[in-house]
């Protein structure tokens, strides 16, 4: 019952906050493009507060790069967590359906997000190739290697696309562990449960080890580091 009360109270406030903040960010970033990422960070943090989340970030995205940032995927709230903890210019690989949403889809396009259709293998390969081109322009790329949200709180099997990209471009991987997002709002529950979410940013996995490991070994290493976080 308490979760339903929270949901009824927080959802309208959060949606209103994001709609206004998102529209303002979109149009200001057209006029002053350099403000896009600072504004995304601000609106993400305001949105998280509005929806009842107390966010704690441990660690930092390293200087330099670019990096491929990989994190576990537990909730619909994850994109706003990315907006709050990322630094510099960044974008991500997203499900194509996300571009259909008003405001949210506009911002994703402004960020050069790479849409893919997970059911279309050829489309997914083209998306990874586009992400490789964007990496070379100096953008960090954010990926949920599970591909979709967990339904039980445990990480799903990792997809190989992001690891092909890391190896092809010799880009270090930064592992990130997100704790509490699944409890806030899993995919298979309507209600939200406000509380604390912790984001732990780990040390980069050096690209110098790529030539000494198989694809499966690199995936297992990354998975273990995210689990530790």
Protein backbone atom coordinates (compact mmCIF):
# COMPACT_ATOMS: atom_id res chain seq x y z
CA UNK A 1 0.00 0.00 0.00
CA UNK A 2 2.81 2.39 0.90
CA UNK A 3 4.46 1.83 -2.49
CA UNK A 4 1.21 2.80 -4.22
CA UNK A 5 1.05 6.00 -2.19
CA UNK A 6 4.65 6.83 -3.10
CA UNK A 7 3.93 6.10 -6.75
CA UNK A 8 0.83 8.29 -6.88
CA UNK A 9 2.69 11.16 -5.22
CA UNK A 10 6.11 10.97 -6.88
CA UNK A 11 5.28 10.00 -10.47
CA UNK A 12 3.43 13.22 -11.43
CA UNK A 13 6.06 15.39 -9.74
CA UNK A 14 8.90 13.57 -11.46
CA UNK A 15 7.25 13.60 -14.90
CA UNK A 16 6.52 17.32 -14.63
CA UNK A 17 10.09 18.02 -13.51
CA UNK A 18 11.59 16.02 -16.35
CA UNK A 19 9.24 17.44 -18.99
CA UNK A 20 10.04 21.05 -18.09
CA UNK A 21 13.75 20.42 -17.54
CA UNK A 22 14.06 18.32 -20.67
CA UNK A 23 12.39 20.90 -22.91
CA UNK A 24 14.54 23.70 -21.47
CA UNK A 25 17.71 21.60 -21.90
CA UNK A 26 16.80 20.69 -25.48
CA UNK A 27 16.24 24.24 -26.67
CA UNK A 28 19.10 25.85 -24.73
CA UNK A 29 21.48 23.21 -26.10
CA UNK A 30 20.45 24.14 -29.65
CA UNK A 31 21.41 27.75 -28.96
CA UNK A 32 24.49 26.96 -26.84
CA UNK A 33 25.60 23.37 -27.64
CA UNK A 34 28.34 23.40 -24.99
CA UNK A 35 25.67 23.51 -22.26
CA UNK A 36 24.06 20.20 -23.29
CA UNK A 37 26.00 17.92 -20.94
CA UNK A 38 26.10 20.25 -17.90
CA UNK A 39 22.32 20.69 -18.22
CA UNK A 40 21.75 16.93 -18.57
CA UNK A 41 23.66 16.39 -15.33
CA UNK A 42 21.58 19.04 -13.53
CA UNK A 43 18.20 17.86 -14.80
CA UNK A 44 19.09 14.21 -14.08
CA UNK A 45 19.94 14.99 -10.47
CA UNK A 46 16.82 17.12 -10.00
CA UNK A 47 14.67 14.37 -11.52
CA UNK A 48 16.16 11.73 -9.21
CA UNK A 49 15.47 13.89 -6.17
CA UNK A 50 11.92 14.59 -7.39
CA UNK A 51 11.20 10.88 -7.72
CA UNK A 52 12.42 10.11 -4.21
CA UNK A 53 15.95 8.84 -4.84
CA UNK A 54 18.93 9.60 -2.63
CA UNK A 55 21.92 9.09 -4.91
CA UNK A 56 25.44 8.29 -3.75
CA UNK A 57 28.27 8.18 -6.29
CA UNK A 58 31.52 6.45 -5.34
CA UNK A 59 34.53 6.88 -7.63
CA UNK A 60 34.94 8.93 -10.79
CA UNK A 61 35.06 8.50 -14.52
CA UNK A 62 38.81 8.71 -15.23
CA UNK A 63 40.28 11.70 -17.02
CA UNK A 64 41.25 11.25 -20.63
CA UNK A 65 39.67 8.53 -22.65
CA UNK A 66 37.39 8.00 -24.39
CA UNK A 67 36.13 4.99 -22.48
CA UNK A 68 33.43 2.39 -22.92
CA UNK A 69 31.42 2.50 -19.69
CA UNK A 70 29.60 -0.71 -18.79
CA UNK A 71 27.00 -1.01 -16.02
CA UNK A 72 24.40 -3.51 -14.86
CA UNK A 73 20.79 -2.79 -15.87
CA UNK A 74 18.15 -3.07 -13.15
CA UNK A 75 15.58 -0.34 -13.72
CA UNK A 76 13.93 2.19 -16.01
CA UNK A 77 15.63 4.82 -13.83
CA UNK A 78 19.12 3.82 -15.04
CA UNK A 79 19.38 6.42 -17.87
CA UNK A 80 18.96 9.22 -15.32
CA UNK A 81 21.67 7.68 -13.15
CA UNK A 82 23.98 7.77 -16.18
CA UNK A 83 23.16 11.43 -16.65
CA UNK A 84 24.10 12.13 -13.05
CA UNK A 85 27.45 10.30 -12.85
CA UNK A 86 28.96 10.64 -16.33
CA UNK A 87 31.56 13.28 -17.20
CA UNK A 88 32.58 14.91 -20.45
CA UNK A 89 30.95 14.16 -23.78
CA UNK A 90 29.09 10.87 -23.76
CA UNK A 91 26.37 8.95 -25.47
CA UNK A 92 25.04 5.42 -25.37
CA UNK A 93 23.62 2.46 -27.24
CA UNK A 94 19.87 2.41 -26.72
CA UNK A 95 16.80 0.44 -27.75
CA UNK A 96 15.28 2.12 -30.81
CA UNK A 97 11.85 2.40 -29.16
CA UNK A 98 13.22 5.03 -26.76
CA UNK A 99 13.37 7.58 -29.57
CA UNK A 100 9.55 7.55 -29.79
CA UNK A 101 9.06 9.17 -26.37
CA UNK A 102 8.47 12.96 -26.33
CA UNK A 103 11.26 15.03 -24.75
CA UNK A 104 13.29 11.93 -23.80
CA UNK A 105 13.68 10.95 -27.45
CA UNK A 106 14.61 14.52 -28.40
CA UNK A 107 17.41 14.58 -25.83
CA UNK A 108 18.69 11.19 -26.94
CA UNK A 109 18.97 12.49 -30.50
CA UNK A 110 20.78 15.62 -29.28
CA UNK A 111 23.26 13.33 -27.53
CA UNK A 112 23.91 11.27 -30.69
CA UNK A 113 22.53 8.14 -29.01
CA UNK A 114 22.92 5.01 -31.15
CA UNK A 115 19.57 3.22 -31.54
CA UNK A 116 19.51 -0.50 -32.24
CA UNK A 117 16.88 -3.18 -32.68
CA UNK A 118 18.04 -6.08 -30.50
CA UNK A 119 15.91 -8.50 -32.55
CA UNK A 120 17.67 -7.50 -35.78
CA UNK A 121 21.25 -8.81 -35.77
CA UNK A 122 22.28 -6.83 -38.87
CA UNK A 123 20.92 -3.62 -37.35
CA UNK A 124 22.76 -4.32 -34.10
CA UNK A 125 26.06 -4.78 -35.95
CA UNK A 126 25.55 -1.49 -37.79
CA UNK A 127 24.82 0.20 -34.45
CA UNK A 128 28.09 -1.08 -32.97
CA UNK A 129 29.96 0.20 -36.04
CA UNK A 130 28.34 3.63 -35.62
CA UNK A 131 29.33 3.62 -31.94
CA UNK A 132 32.93 2.90 -32.97
CA UNK A 133 32.90 5.99 -35.20
CA UNK A 134 31.54 8.12 -32.37
CA UNK A 135 34.21 6.78 -30.00
CA UNK A 136 36.86 8.01 -32.40
CA UNK A 137 35.37 11.51 -32.08
CA UNK A 138 36.18 11.47 -28.37
CA UNK A 139 32.79 10.52 -26.91
CA UNK A 140 32.50 8.05 -24.06
CA UNK A 141 30.03 5.27 -24.91
CA UNK A 142 27.69 3.92 -22.23
CA UNK A 143 26.45 0.35 -22.51
CA UNK A 144 24.34 -2.06 -20.50
CA UNK A 145 26.02 -5.29 -21.66
CA UNK A 146 23.03 -7.35 -20.48
CA UNK A 147 20.99 -5.73 -23.25
CA UNK A 148 17.82 -5.56 -21.18
CA UNK A 149 16.74 -5.10 -17.57
CA UNK A 150 16.98 -7.97 -15.12
CA UNK A 151 13.71 -9.47 -13.91
CA UNK A 152 15.08 -11.01 -10.72
CA UNK A 153 17.84 -8.66 -9.53
CA UNK A 154 20.63 -10.88 -10.85
CA UNK A 155 22.64 -9.86 -13.89
CA UNK A 156 21.63 -11.36 -17.21
CA UNK A 157 24.15 -12.95 -19.56
CA UNK A 158 26.32 -10.30 -21.22
CA UNK A 159 26.02 -9.64 -24.96
CA UNK A 160 29.21 -9.54 -27.02
CA UNK A 161 28.60 -6.38 -29.06
CA UNK A 162 30.19 -3.91 -26.65
CA UNK A 163 33.23 -6.15 -26.21
CA UNK A 164 33.75 -6.41 -29.96
CA UNK A 165 33.68 -2.60 -29.99
CA UNK A 166 36.23 -2.37 -27.17
CA UNK A 167 38.61 -4.78 -28.88
CA UNK A 168 38.17 -3.28 -32.37
CA UNK A 169 38.91 0.25 -31.15
CA UNK A 170 41.37 -0.67 -28.36
CA UNK A 171 39.22 1.31 -25.92
CA UNK A 172 39.51 0.66 -22.15
CA UNK A 173 36.35 -0.46 -20.33
CA UNK A 174 35.22 1.26 -17.13
CA UNK A 175 33.02 -1.06 -15.01
CA UNK A 176 30.18 0.49 -13.00
CA UNK A 177 28.00 -1.18 -10.38
CA UNK A 178 24.52 0.20 -9.72
CA UNK A 179 22.98 -0.86 -6.41
CA UNK A 180 19.37 -0.16 -5.42
CA UNK A 181 17.85 0.64 -8.81
CA UNK A 182 16.15 -2.77 -9.07
CA UNK A 183 14.55 -2.28 -5.67
CA UNK A 184 13.36 1.18 -6.73
CA UNK A 185 11.50 0.02 -9.84
CA UNK A 186 12.07 -3.35 -11.52
CA UNK A 187 10.72 -3.98 -15.01
CA UNK A 188 7.95 -6.28 -13.79
CA UNK A 189 6.51 -3.99 -11.09
CA UNK A 190 4.31 -0.91 -11.55
CA UNK A 191 4.99 0.79 -8.22
CA UNK A 192 8.13 2.64 -7.15
CA UNK A 193 9.97 2.32 -3.86
CA UNK A 194 11.92 5.54 -3.11
CA UNK A 195 15.22 5.12 -1.34
CA UNK A 196 18.99 5.09 -1.73
CA UNK A 197 20.80 4.14 -4.92
CA UNK A 198 24.58 3.78 -4.98
CA UNK A 199 26.69 4.02 -8.11
CA UNK A 200 30.22 2.64 -7.78
CA UNK A 201 32.68 3.47 -10.55
CA UNK A 202 35.59 1.05 -10.83
CA UNK A 203 39.09 1.29 -12.25
CA UNK A 204 39.43 0.95 -16.02
CA UNK A 205 40.16 -2.42 -17.58
CA UNK A 206 43.29 -1.67 -19.59
CA UNK A 207 43.21 -2.26 -23.33
CA UNK A 208 46.74 -3.67 -23.01
CA UNK A 209 45.28 -7.02 -21.89
CA UNK A 210 42.97 -7.45 -24.88
CA UNK A 211 45.60 -9.30 -26.93
CA UNK A 212 46.20 -11.77 -24.10
CA UNK A 213 42.56 -12.73 -23.49
CA UNK A 214 39.78 -14.41 -25.41
CA UNK A 215 36.46 -12.65 -25.84
CA UNK A 216 34.86 -14.89 -23.21
CA UNK A 217 37.65 -14.17 -20.73
CA UNK A 218 37.24 -10.40 -21.18
CA UNK A 219 33.47 -10.72 -20.70
CA UNK A 220 33.94 -12.79 -17.53
CA UNK A 221 36.50 -10.32 -16.16
CA UNK A 222 34.16 -7.37 -16.76
CA UNK A 223 31.17 -9.23 -15.32
CA UNK A 224 33.10 -10.09 -12.15
CA UNK A 225 34.28 -6.50 -11.68
CA UNK A 226 30.73 -5.16 -12.02
CA UNK A 227 29.49 -7.78 -9.55
CA UNK A 228 32.21 -6.72 -7.07
CA UNK A 229 31.04 -3.10 -7.40
